[in-house]
């Protein structure tokens, strides 16, 4: 018994050490590059800089008439409205799919789950947005993000809803509550653990999205935080010190959010895996 406990403790220690190395070493590498001069950072060495230049962060913020501030605003708007729209619409869809076990809902579920495997079609989507005269708008970008992440959200919601007893709904129906009332007053408030999980996972995914805004939301006024990394790369010479400073700045908000709600993410995922 003691030998087994020692082995478990040793395995835990090794796991923690490996995790720290995998996460902290890259962060340390980015940080030391961000406080070097342009010449030193171009060598991409892991050595400490001869001179520390924290003013690189201020230069990144001021670059191109405070473009990073505008990018943070655009990314925040995109993330907030995507999360809010997804939480309610995916919950309604998951509720119907979970509670109705017929052939139609089975087919609908199969189609929705295909969204986890099939990537978005860029050119047809752009053509559709142009036809609807909403191309390059924040509204269309929010709708695209919601559409792309709906299958994942429905999958999580369904797993959690399976653990909610149907007796609660039957009792409410006997008391005269209709389906809409049952969902809004009983089911939706019980989804808080999985909602916390979705807020973090979807929020981080949307905030860090690079490809979709690049295709569907182009333009200097629509720049997002990930697209600001383009500012410091060129075919001739790259400013790696400013590039890594920008990476640090745009990584910290989501990193803090993830660390704060990490336990809720785990709890929500575990709660949603009780039944299928």
C-alpha atoms as a PDB file:
ATOM      1  CA  UNK A   1       0.000   0.000   0.000  1.00  0.00           C
ATOM      2  CA  UNK A   2       2.804   2.405   0.903  1.00  0.00           C
ATOM      3  CA  UNK A   3       4.659   1.489  -2.269  1.00  0.00           C
ATOM      4  CA  UNK A   4       1.561   2.274  -4.334  1.00  0.00           C
ATOM      5  CA  UNK A   5       1.146   5.664  -2.630  1.00  0.00           C
ATOM      6  CA  UNK A   6       4.805   6.503  -3.279  1.00  0.00           C
ATOM      7  CA  UNK A   7       4.432   5.541  -6.938  1.00  0.00           C
ATOM      8  CA  UNK A   8       1.296   7.704  -7.249  1.00  0.00           C
ATOM      9  CA  UNK A   9       3.060  10.647  -5.571  1.00  0.00           C
ATOM     10  CA  UNK A  10       6.073  10.244  -7.864  1.00  0.00           C
ATOM     11  CA  UNK A  11       3.814  10.128 -10.930  1.00  0.00           C
ATOM     12  CA  UNK A  12       2.037  13.298  -9.775  1.00  0.00           C
ATOM     13  CA  UNK A  13       5.342  15.099  -9.239  1.00  0.00           C
ATOM     14  CA  UNK A  14       6.611  14.069 -12.669  1.00  0.00           C
ATOM     15  CA  UNK A  15       3.343  15.194 -14.252  1.00  0.00           C
ATOM     16  CA  UNK A  16       3.528  18.612 -12.565  1.00  0.00           C
ATOM     17  CA  UNK A  17       7.182  19.099 -13.580  1.00  0.00           C
ATOM     18  CA  UNK A  18       6.491  18.140 -17.210  1.00  0.00           C
ATOM     19  CA  UNK A  19       3.469  20.456 -17.314  1.00  0.00           C
ATOM     20  CA  UNK A  20       5.465  23.369 -15.884  1.00  0.00           C
ATOM     21  CA  UNK A  21       8.224  22.802 -18.443  1.00  0.00           C
ATOM     22  CA  UNK A  22       5.795  22.575 -21.360  1.00  0.00           C
ATOM     23  CA  UNK A  23       3.949  25.768 -20.400  1.00  0.00           C
ATOM     24  CA  UNK A  24       6.497  27.986 -18.667  1.00  0.00           C
ATOM     25  CA  UNK A  25       9.519  27.464 -20.921  1.00  0.00           C
ATOM     26  CA  UNK A  26       7.744  28.751 -24.073  1.00  0.00           C
ATOM     27  CA  UNK A  27       6.316  31.666 -22.094  1.00  0.00           C
ATOM     28  CA  UNK A  28       9.776  32.466 -20.714  1.00  0.00           C
ATOM     29  CA  UNK A  29      11.221  32.330 -24.243  1.00  0.00           C
ATOM     30  CA  UNK A  30       8.598  34.765 -25.551  1.00  0.00           C
ATOM     31  CA  UNK A  31       9.058  37.101 -22.599  1.00  0.00           C
ATOM     32  CA  UNK A  32      12.845  37.436 -22.891  1.00  0.00           C
ATOM     33  CA  UNK A  33      12.566  38.065 -26.643  1.00  0.00           C
ATOM     34  CA  UNK A  34      10.003  40.786 -25.981  1.00  0.00           C
ATOM     35  CA  UNK A  35      12.388  42.816 -23.798  1.00  0.00           C
ATOM     36  CA  UNK A  36      15.392  42.617 -26.143  1.00  0.00           C
ATOM     37  CA  UNK A  37      16.546  44.956 -28.860  1.00  0.00           C
ATOM     38  CA  UNK A  38      15.579  44.186 -32.445  1.00  0.00           C
ATOM     39  CA  UNK A  39      19.081  42.872 -33.223  1.00  0.00           C
ATOM     40  CA  UNK A  40      19.253  40.602 -30.151  1.00  0.00           C
ATOM     41  CA  UNK A  41      15.729  39.253 -30.645  1.00  0.00           C
ATOM     42  CA  UNK A  42      16.522  38.303 -34.249  1.00  0.00           C
ATOM     43  CA  UNK A  43      18.957  35.650 -32.946  1.00  0.00           C
ATOM     44  CA  UNK A  44      16.048  33.922 -31.095  1.00  0.00           C
ATOM     45  CA  UNK A  45      18.372  32.791 -28.322  1.00  0.00           C
ATOM     46  CA  UNK A  46      17.138  31.831 -24.854  1.00  0.00           C
ATOM     47  CA  UNK A  47      19.805  33.917 -23.100  1.00  0.00           C
ATOM     48  CA  UNK A  48      18.865  36.927 -20.945  1.00  0.00           C
ATOM     49  CA  UNK A  49      19.178  40.276 -22.817  1.00  0.00           C
ATOM     50  CA  UNK A  50      22.180  42.522 -22.220  1.00  0.00           C
ATOM     51  CA  UNK A  51      19.750  45.440 -21.804  1.00  0.00           C
ATOM     52  CA  UNK A  52      16.126  45.194 -20.741  1.00  0.00           C
ATOM     53  CA  UNK A  53      13.678  47.150 -22.909  1.00  0.00           C
ATOM     54  CA  UNK A  54      10.204  47.148 -21.378  1.00  0.00           C
ATOM     55  CA  UNK A  55       9.408  50.118 -23.595  1.00  0.00           C
ATOM     56  CA  UNK A  56       8.806  47.570 -26.367  1.00  0.00           C
ATOM     57  CA  UNK A  57       5.368  46.964 -24.859  1.00  0.00           C
ATOM     58  CA  UNK A  58       4.541  50.659 -24.978  1.00  0.00           C
ATOM     59  CA  UNK A  59       5.722  50.817 -28.580  1.00  0.00           C
ATOM     60  CA  UNK A  60       3.440  47.928 -29.496  1.00  0.00           C
ATOM     61  CA  UNK A  61       0.451  49.657 -27.897  1.00  0.00           C
ATOM     62  CA  UNK A  62       1.197  52.960 -29.671  1.00  0.00           C
ATOM     63  CA  UNK A  63       1.973  51.331 -33.037  1.00  0.00           C
ATOM     64  CA  UNK A  64      -0.111  52.468 -36.028  1.00  0.00           C
ATOM     65  CA  UNK A  65      -2.165  54.992 -34.071  1.00  0.00           C
ATOM     66  CA  UNK A  66      -3.018  52.608 -31.193  1.00  0.00           C
ATOM     67  CA  UNK A  67      -4.203  49.862 -33.529  1.00  0.00           C
ATOM     68  CA  UNK A  68      -3.903  47.266 -30.744  1.00  0.00           C
ATOM     69  CA  UNK A  69      -6.549  49.105 -28.680  1.00  0.00           C
ATOM     70  CA  UNK A  70      -8.937  49.024 -31.641  1.00  0.00           C
ATOM     71  CA  UNK A  71      -8.152  45.336 -32.136  1.00  0.00           C
ATOM     72  CA  UNK A  72      -8.939  44.561 -28.496  1.00  0.00           C
ATOM     73  CA  UNK A  73     -12.273  46.370 -28.850  1.00  0.00           C
ATOM     74  CA  UNK A  74     -13.207  44.428 -32.004  1.00  0.00           C
ATOM     75  CA  UNK A  75     -12.171  41.093 -30.497  1.00  0.00           C
ATOM     76  CA  UNK A  76     -14.072  41.839 -27.284  1.00  0.00           C
ATOM     77  CA  UNK A  77     -17.279  42.719 -29.189  1.00  0.00           C
ATOM     78  CA  UNK A  78     -16.951  39.612 -31.348  1.00  0.00           C
ATOM     79  CA  UNK A  79     -16.321  37.370 -28.348  1.00  0.00           C
ATOM     80  CA  UNK A  80     -19.083  38.751 -26.112  1.00  0.00           C
ATOM     81  CA  UNK A  81     -21.855  38.600 -28.715  1.00  0.00           C
ATOM     82  CA  UNK A  82     -20.747  35.188 -29.968  1.00  0.00           C
ATOM     83  CA  UNK A  83     -20.828  33.737 -26.452  1.00  0.00           C
ATOM     84  CA  UNK A  84     -24.181  35.319 -25.583  1.00  0.00           C
ATOM     85  CA  UNK A  85     -25.801  34.205 -28.829  1.00  0.00           C
ATOM     86  CA  UNK A  86     -24.416  30.689 -28.606  1.00  0.00           C
ATOM     87  CA  UNK A  87     -25.388  30.059 -24.980  1.00  0.00           C
ATOM     88  CA  UNK A  88     -29.108  30.457 -25.563  1.00  0.00           C
ATOM     89  CA  UNK A  89     -29.548  29.165 -29.135  1.00  0.00           C
ATOM     90  CA  UNK A  90     -27.426  26.041 -28.596  1.00  0.00           C
ATOM     91  CA  UNK A  91     -29.245  25.333 -25.325  1.00  0.00           C
ATOM     92  CA  UNK A  92     -32.642  25.446 -27.058  1.00  0.00           C
ATOM     93  CA  UNK A  93     -31.469  23.194 -29.892  1.00  0.00           C
ATOM     94  CA  UNK A  94     -29.852  20.723 -27.494  1.00  0.00           C
ATOM     95  CA  UNK A  95     -33.001  20.581 -25.350  1.00  0.00           C
ATOM     96  CA  UNK A  96     -35.203  19.631 -28.295  1.00  0.00           C
ATOM     97  CA  UNK A  97     -32.712  17.071 -29.620  1.00  0.00           C
ATOM     98  CA  UNK A  98     -32.192  15.508 -26.195  1.00  0.00           C
ATOM     99  CA  UNK A  99     -35.841  15.241 -25.224  1.00  0.00           C
ATOM    100  CA  UNK A 100     -37.243  14.200 -28.608  1.00  0.00           C
ATOM    101  CA  UNK A 101     -35.965  10.734 -29.458  1.00  0.00           C
ATOM    102  CA  UNK A 102     -37.459  10.163 -32.925  1.00  0.00           C
ATOM    103  CA  UNK A 103     -36.026   9.582 -36.387  1.00  0.00           C
ATOM    104  CA  UNK A 104     -36.236  13.243 -37.377  1.00  0.00           C
ATOM    105  CA  UNK A 105     -34.230  14.405 -34.366  1.00  0.00           C
ATOM    106  CA  UNK A 106     -31.710  11.610 -34.911  1.00  0.00           C
ATOM    107  CA  UNK A 107     -31.178  12.847 -38.473  1.00  0.00           C
ATOM    108  CA  UNK A 108     -30.943  16.470 -37.308  1.00  0.00           C
ATOM    109  CA  UNK A 109     -28.390  15.515 -34.669  1.00  0.00           C
ATOM    110  CA  UNK A 110     -26.291  13.669 -37.267  1.00  0.00           C
ATOM    111  CA  UNK A 111     -26.295  16.705 -39.555  1.00  0.00           C
ATOM    112  CA  UNK A 112     -25.316  19.042 -36.718  1.00  0.00           C
ATOM    113  CA  UNK A 113     -22.511  16.754 -35.563  1.00  0.00           C
ATOM    114  CA  UNK A 114     -21.089  16.771 -39.100  1.00  0.00           C
ATOM    115  CA  UNK A 115     -20.254  20.402 -38.355  1.00  0.00           C
ATOM    116  CA  UNK A 116     -17.511  19.165 -36.020  1.00  0.00           C
ATOM    117  CA  UNK A 117     -15.721  17.543 -38.968  1.00  0.00           C
ATOM    118  CA  UNK A 118     -16.563  19.614 -42.057  1.00  0.00           C
ATOM    119  CA  UNK A 119     -14.665  22.938 -42.308  1.00  0.00           C
ATOM    120  CA  UNK A 120     -16.287  26.165 -43.453  1.00  0.00           C
ATOM    121  CA  UNK A 121     -16.394  26.821 -47.216  1.00  0.00           C
ATOM    122  CA  UNK A 122     -14.661  30.158 -47.629  1.00  0.00           C
ATOM    123  CA  UNK A 123     -15.619  31.340 -51.127  1.00  0.00           C
ATOM    124  CA  UNK A 124     -19.318  30.260 -51.061  1.00  0.00           C
ATOM    125  CA  UNK A 125     -19.722  31.889 -47.642  1.00  0.00           C
ATOM    126  CA  UNK A 126     -18.147  35.144 -48.853  1.00  0.00           C
ATOM    127  CA  UNK A 127     -20.412  35.104 -51.926  1.00  0.00           C
ATOM    128  CA  UNK A 128     -23.469  34.567 -49.719  1.00  0.00           C
ATOM    129  CA  UNK A 129     -22.478  37.414 -47.387  1.00  0.00           C
ATOM    130  CA  UNK A 130     -21.912  39.751 -50.354  1.00  0.00           C
ATOM    131  CA  UNK A 131     -25.306  38.820 -51.791  1.00  0.00           C
ATOM    132  CA  UNK A 132     -26.929  39.641 -48.442  1.00  0.00           C
ATOM    133  CA  UNK A 133     -24.884  42.886 -48.227  1.00  0.00           C
ATOM    134  CA  UNK A 134     -23.449  41.998 -44.816  1.00  0.00           C
ATOM    135  CA  UNK A 135     -19.893  41.128 -45.852  1.00  0.00           C
ATOM    136  CA  UNK A 136     -17.187  42.814 -43.709  1.00  0.00           C
ATOM    137  CA  UNK A 137     -19.667  43.510 -40.898  1.00  0.00           C
ATOM    138  CA  UNK A 138     -19.409  42.489 -37.258  1.00  0.00           C
ATOM    139  CA  UNK A 139     -22.919  41.031 -37.431  1.00  0.00           C
ATOM    140  CA  UNK A 140     -21.946  38.520 -40.123  1.00  0.00           C
ATOM    141  CA  UNK A 141     -18.756  37.608 -38.268  1.00  0.00           C
ATOM    142  CA  UNK A 142     -20.717  36.909 -35.078  1.00  0.00           C
ATOM    143  CA  UNK A 143     -23.176  34.722 -37.013  1.00  0.00           C
ATOM    144  CA  UNK A 144     -20.311  32.758 -38.573  1.00  0.00           C
ATOM    145  CA  UNK A 145     -18.629  32.162 -35.204  1.00  0.00           C
ATOM    146  CA  UNK A 146     -21.922  31.016 -33.695  1.00  0.00           C
ATOM    147  CA  UNK A 147     -22.579  28.674 -36.618  1.00  0.00           C
ATOM    148  CA  UNK A 148     -19.104  27.141 -36.466  1.00  0.00           C
ATOM    149  CA  UNK A 149     -19.208  26.507 -32.720  1.00  0.00           C
ATOM    150  CA  UNK A 150     -22.842  25.420 -32.407  1.00  0.00           C
ATOM    151  CA  UNK A 151     -22.157  21.666 -32.908  1.00  0.00           C
ATOM    152  CA  UNK A 152     -19.616  21.613 -30.073  1.00  0.00           C
ATOM    153  CA  UNK A 153     -21.935  23.585 -27.776  1.00  0.00           C
ATOM    154  CA  UNK A 154     -24.898  21.304 -28.520  1.00  0.00           C
ATOM    155  CA  UNK A 155     -22.767  18.239 -27.791  1.00  0.00           C
ATOM    156  CA  UNK A 156     -21.835  19.593 -24.347  1.00  0.00           C
ATOM    157  CA  UNK A 157     -25.373  20.751 -23.562  1.00  0.00           C
ATOM    158  CA  UNK A 158     -26.893  17.384 -24.537  1.00  0.00           C
ATOM    159  CA  UNK A 159     -24.523  15.472 -22.292  1.00  0.00           C
ATOM    160  CA  UNK A 160     -25.432  17.662 -19.332  1.00  0.00           C
ATOM    161  CA  UNK A 161     -29.177  17.706 -20.034  1.00  0.00           C
ATOM    162  CA  UNK A 162     -29.217  13.910 -20.002  1.00  0.00           C
ATOM    163  CA  UNK A 163     -28.443  14.076 -16.268  1.00  0.00           C
ATOM    164  CA  UNK A 164     -31.444  16.350 -15.539  1.00  0.00           C
ATOM    165  CA  UNK A 165     -34.447  14.214 -14.405  1.00  0.00           C
ATOM    166  CA  UNK A 166     -37.487  14.420 -16.665  1.00  0.00           C
ATOM    167  CA  UNK A 167     -39.660  14.273 -13.538  1.00  0.00           C
ATOM    168  CA  UNK A 168     -38.988  17.993 -13.027  1.00  0.00           C
ATOM    169  CA  UNK A 169     -40.533  18.774 -16.399  1.00  0.00           C
ATOM    170  CA  UNK A 170     -43.463  16.460 -15.844  1.00  0.00           C
ATOM    171  CA  UNK A 171     -44.249  18.115 -12.495  1.00  0.00           C
ATOM    172  CA  UNK A 172     -44.094  21.562 -14.086  1.00  0.00           C
ATOM    173  CA  UNK A 173     -46.346  20.426 -16.932  1.00  0.00           C
ATOM    174  CA  UNK A 174     -48.905  19.136 -14.441  1.00  0.00           C
ATOM    175  CA  UNK A 175     -48.844  22.575 -12.776  1.00  0.00           C
ATOM    176  CA  UNK A 176     -49.788  24.130 -16.137  1.00  0.00           C
ATOM    177  CA  UNK A 177     -46.371  25.263 -17.387  1.00  0.00           C
ATOM    178  CA  UNK A 178     -45.908  25.160 -21.170  1.00  0.00           C
ATOM    179  CA  UNK A 179     -42.769  23.975 -22.992  1.00  0.00           C
ATOM    180  CA  UNK A 180     -41.280  27.460 -23.244  1.00  0.00           C
ATOM    181  CA  UNK A 181     -41.830  28.038 -19.537  1.00  0.00           C
ATOM    182  CA  UNK A 182     -40.316  24.659 -18.664  1.00  0.00           C
ATOM    183  CA  UNK A 183     -37.191  25.479 -20.635  1.00  0.00           C
ATOM    184  CA  UNK A 184     -36.710  29.075 -19.449  1.00  0.00           C
ATOM    185  CA  UNK A 185     -37.735  28.619 -15.798  1.00  0.00           C
ATOM    186  CA  UNK A 186     -36.489  25.110 -15.008  1.00  0.00           C
ATOM    187  CA  UNK A 187     -33.999  23.733 -17.547  1.00  0.00           C
ATOM    188  CA  UNK A 188     -32.011  26.842 -18.475  1.00  0.00           C
ATOM    189  CA  UNK A 189     -31.200  27.874 -14.862  1.00  0.00           C
ATOM    190  CA  UNK A 190     -29.902  24.345 -14.195  1.00  0.00           C
ATOM    191  CA  UNK A 191     -27.353  24.656 -17.013  1.00  0.00           C
ATOM    192  CA  UNK A 192     -25.033  27.046 -15.166  1.00  0.00           C
ATOM    193  CA  UNK A 193     -22.102  24.587 -14.745  1.00  0.00           C
ATOM    194  CA  UNK A 194     -21.964  23.761 -18.455  1.00  0.00           C
ATOM    195  CA  UNK A 195     -22.587  27.403 -19.352  1.00  0.00           C
ATOM    196  CA  UNK A 196     -19.478  28.402 -17.393  1.00  0.00           C
ATOM    197  CA  UNK A 197     -17.525  25.807 -19.354  1.00  0.00           C
ATOM    198  CA  UNK A 198     -18.822  27.119 -22.671  1.00  0.00           C
ATOM    199  CA  UNK A 199     -18.165  30.743 -21.770  1.00  0.00           C
ATOM    200  CA  UNK A 200     -14.480  30.012 -21.253  1.00  0.00           C
ATOM    201  CA  UNK A 201     -13.935  27.548 -24.097  1.00  0.00           C
ATOM    202  CA  UNK A 202     -15.913  29.503 -26.687  1.00  0.00           C
ATOM    203  CA  UNK A 203     -14.605  32.828 -25.414  1.00  0.00           C
ATOM    204  CA  UNK A 204     -10.961  31.773 -25.705  1.00  0.00           C
ATOM    205  CA  UNK A 205     -11.554  30.153 -29.102  1.00  0.00           C
ATOM    206  CA  UNK A 206     -13.296  33.234 -30.525  1.00  0.00           C
ATOM    207  CA  UNK A 207     -10.877  35.752 -29.023  1.00  0.00           C
ATOM    208  CA  UNK A 208      -7.892  33.841 -30.429  1.00  0.00           C
ATOM    209  CA  UNK A 209      -9.464  33.163 -33.835  1.00  0.00           C
ATOM    210  CA  UNK A 210      -7.199  34.290 -36.649  1.00  0.00           C
ATOM    211  CA  UNK A 211      -8.391  32.607 -39.845  1.00  0.00           C
ATOM    212  CA  UNK A 212     -12.104  33.436 -39.871  1.00  0.00           C
ATOM    213  CA  UNK A 213     -11.787  37.207 -39.279  1.00  0.00           C
ATOM    214  CA  UNK A 214      -9.000  37.232 -41.884  1.00  0.00           C
ATOM    215  CA  UNK A 215     -11.409  35.911 -44.541  1.00  0.00           C
ATOM    216  CA  UNK A 216     -14.782  37.222 -43.432  1.00  0.00           C
ATOM    217  CA  UNK A 217     -13.920  40.498 -41.651  1.00  0.00           C
ATOM    218  CA  UNK A 218     -11.078  42.141 -43.601  1.00  0.00           C
ATOM    219  CA  UNK A 219     -10.151  45.798 -43.368  1.00  0.00           C
ATOM    220  CA  UNK A 220      -8.030  48.043 -41.171  1.00  0.00           C
ATOM    221  CA  UNK A 221     -11.031  49.118 -39.071  1.00  0.00           C
ATOM    222  CA  UNK A 222     -12.030  45.494 -38.435  1.00  0.00           C
ATOM    223  CA  UNK A 223      -8.649  44.238 -37.250  1.00  0.00           C
ATOM    224  CA  UNK A 224      -8.651  41.710 -34.386  1.00  0.00           C
ATOM    225  CA  UNK A 225      -5.906  41.051 -31.842  1.00  0.00           C
ATOM    226  CA  UNK A 226      -4.462  38.037 -33.659  1.00  0.00           C
ATOM    227  CA  UNK A 227      -4.179  39.978 -36.909  1.00  0.00           C
ATOM    228  CA  UNK A 228      -1.973  42.607 -35.275  1.00  0.00           C
ATOM    229  CA  UNK A 229       0.850  40.029 -35.376  1.00  0.00           C
ATOM    230  CA  UNK A 230       1.153  40.820 -39.074  1.00  0.00           C
ATOM    231  CA  UNK A 231       2.480  44.270 -38.174  1.00  0.00           C
ATOM    232  CA  UNK A 232       5.914  43.023 -37.182  1.00  0.00           C
ATOM    233  CA  UNK A 233       6.605  40.482 -39.934  1.00  0.00           C
ATOM    234  CA  UNK A 234       8.023  41.398 -43.350  1.00  0.00           C
ATOM    235  CA  UNK A 235       9.850  39.709 -46.210  1.00  0.00           C
ATOM    236  CA  UNK A 236      12.964  41.801 -45.558  1.00  0.00           C
ATOM    237  CA  UNK A 237      13.301  41.871 -41.781  1.00  0.00           C
ATOM    238  CA  UNK A 238      11.081  41.069 -38.820  1.00  0.00           C
ATOM    239  CA  UNK A 239      10.868  42.883 -35.494  1.00  0.00           C
ATOM    240  CA  UNK A 240      10.794  39.798 -33.309  1.00  0.00           C
ATOM    241  CA  UNK A 241      11.048  41.827 -30.102  1.00  0.00           C
ATOM    242  CA  UNK A 242       7.816  43.699 -30.922  1.00  0.00           C
ATOM    243  CA  UNK A 243       6.202  40.550 -32.296  1.00  0.00           C
ATOM    244  CA  UNK A 244       6.743  38.656 -29.039  1.00  0.00           C
ATOM    245  CA  UNK A 245       5.694  41.688 -26.981  1.00  0.00           C
ATOM    246  CA  UNK A 246       2.428  41.741 -28.925  1.00  0.00           C
ATOM    247  CA  UNK A 247       1.961  37.997 -28.327  1.00  0.00           C
ATOM    248  CA  UNK A 248       2.467  38.463 -24.583  1.00  0.00           C
ATOM    249  CA  UNK A 249      -0.052  41.333 -24.437  1.00  0.00           C
ATOM    250  CA  UNK A 250      -2.815  39.497 -26.311  1.00  0.00           C
ATOM    251  CA  UNK A 251      -2.184  36.221 -24.447  1.00  0.00           C
ATOM    252  CA  UNK A 252      -2.362  37.495 -20.870  1.00  0.00           C
ATOM    253  CA  UNK A 253      -6.129  38.392 -20.713  1.00  0.00           C
ATOM    254  CA  UNK A 254      -7.286  34.951 -21.889  1.00  0.00           C
ATOM    255  CA  UNK A 255      -4.628  33.232 -19.768  1.00  0.00           C
ATOM    256  CA  UNK A 256      -5.882  34.974 -16.624  1.00  0.00           C
ATOM    257  CA  UNK A 257      -9.486  34.134 -17.527  1.00  0.00           C
ATOM    258  CA  UNK A 258      -8.569  30.487 -18.092  1.00  0.00           C
ATOM    259  CA  UNK A 259      -6.690  30.221 -14.792  1.00  0.00           C
ATOM    260  CA  UNK A 260      -9.567  31.771 -12.843  1.00  0.00           C
ATOM    261  CA  UNK A 261     -12.250  29.507 -14.311  1.00  0.00           C
ATOM    262  CA  UNK A 262     -10.135  26.392 -14.847  1.00  0.00           C
ATOM    263  CA  UNK A 263     -11.950  24.445 -12.104  1.00  0.00           C
ATOM    264  CA  UNK A 264     -15.349  25.313 -13.572  1.00  0.00           C
ATOM    265  CA  UNK A 265     -14.243  24.072 -16.987  1.00  0.00           C
ATOM    266  CA  UNK A 266     -13.285  20.699 -15.535  1.00  0.00           C
ATOM    267  CA  UNK A 267     -16.462  20.468 -13.435  1.00  0.00           C
ATOM    268  CA  UNK A 268     -18.659  21.283 -16.424  1.00  0.00           C
ATOM    269  CA  UNK A 269     -16.960  18.745 -18.689  1.00  0.00           C
ATOM    270  CA  UNK A 270     -17.215  16.021 -16.042  1.00  0.00           C
ATOM    271  CA  UNK A 271     -20.846  16.848 -15.268  1.00  0.00           C
ATOM    272  CA  UNK A 272     -21.699  16.638 -18.957  1.00  0.00           C
ATOM    273  CA  UNK A 273     -20.128  13.205 -19.356  1.00  0.00           C
ATOM    274  CA  UNK A 274     -22.312  11.391 -16.804  1.00  0.00           C
ATOM    275  CA  UNK A 275     -24.845  10.301 -19.419  1.00  0.00           C
ATOM    276  CA  UNK A 276     -24.891  10.463 -23.187  1.00  0.00           C
END
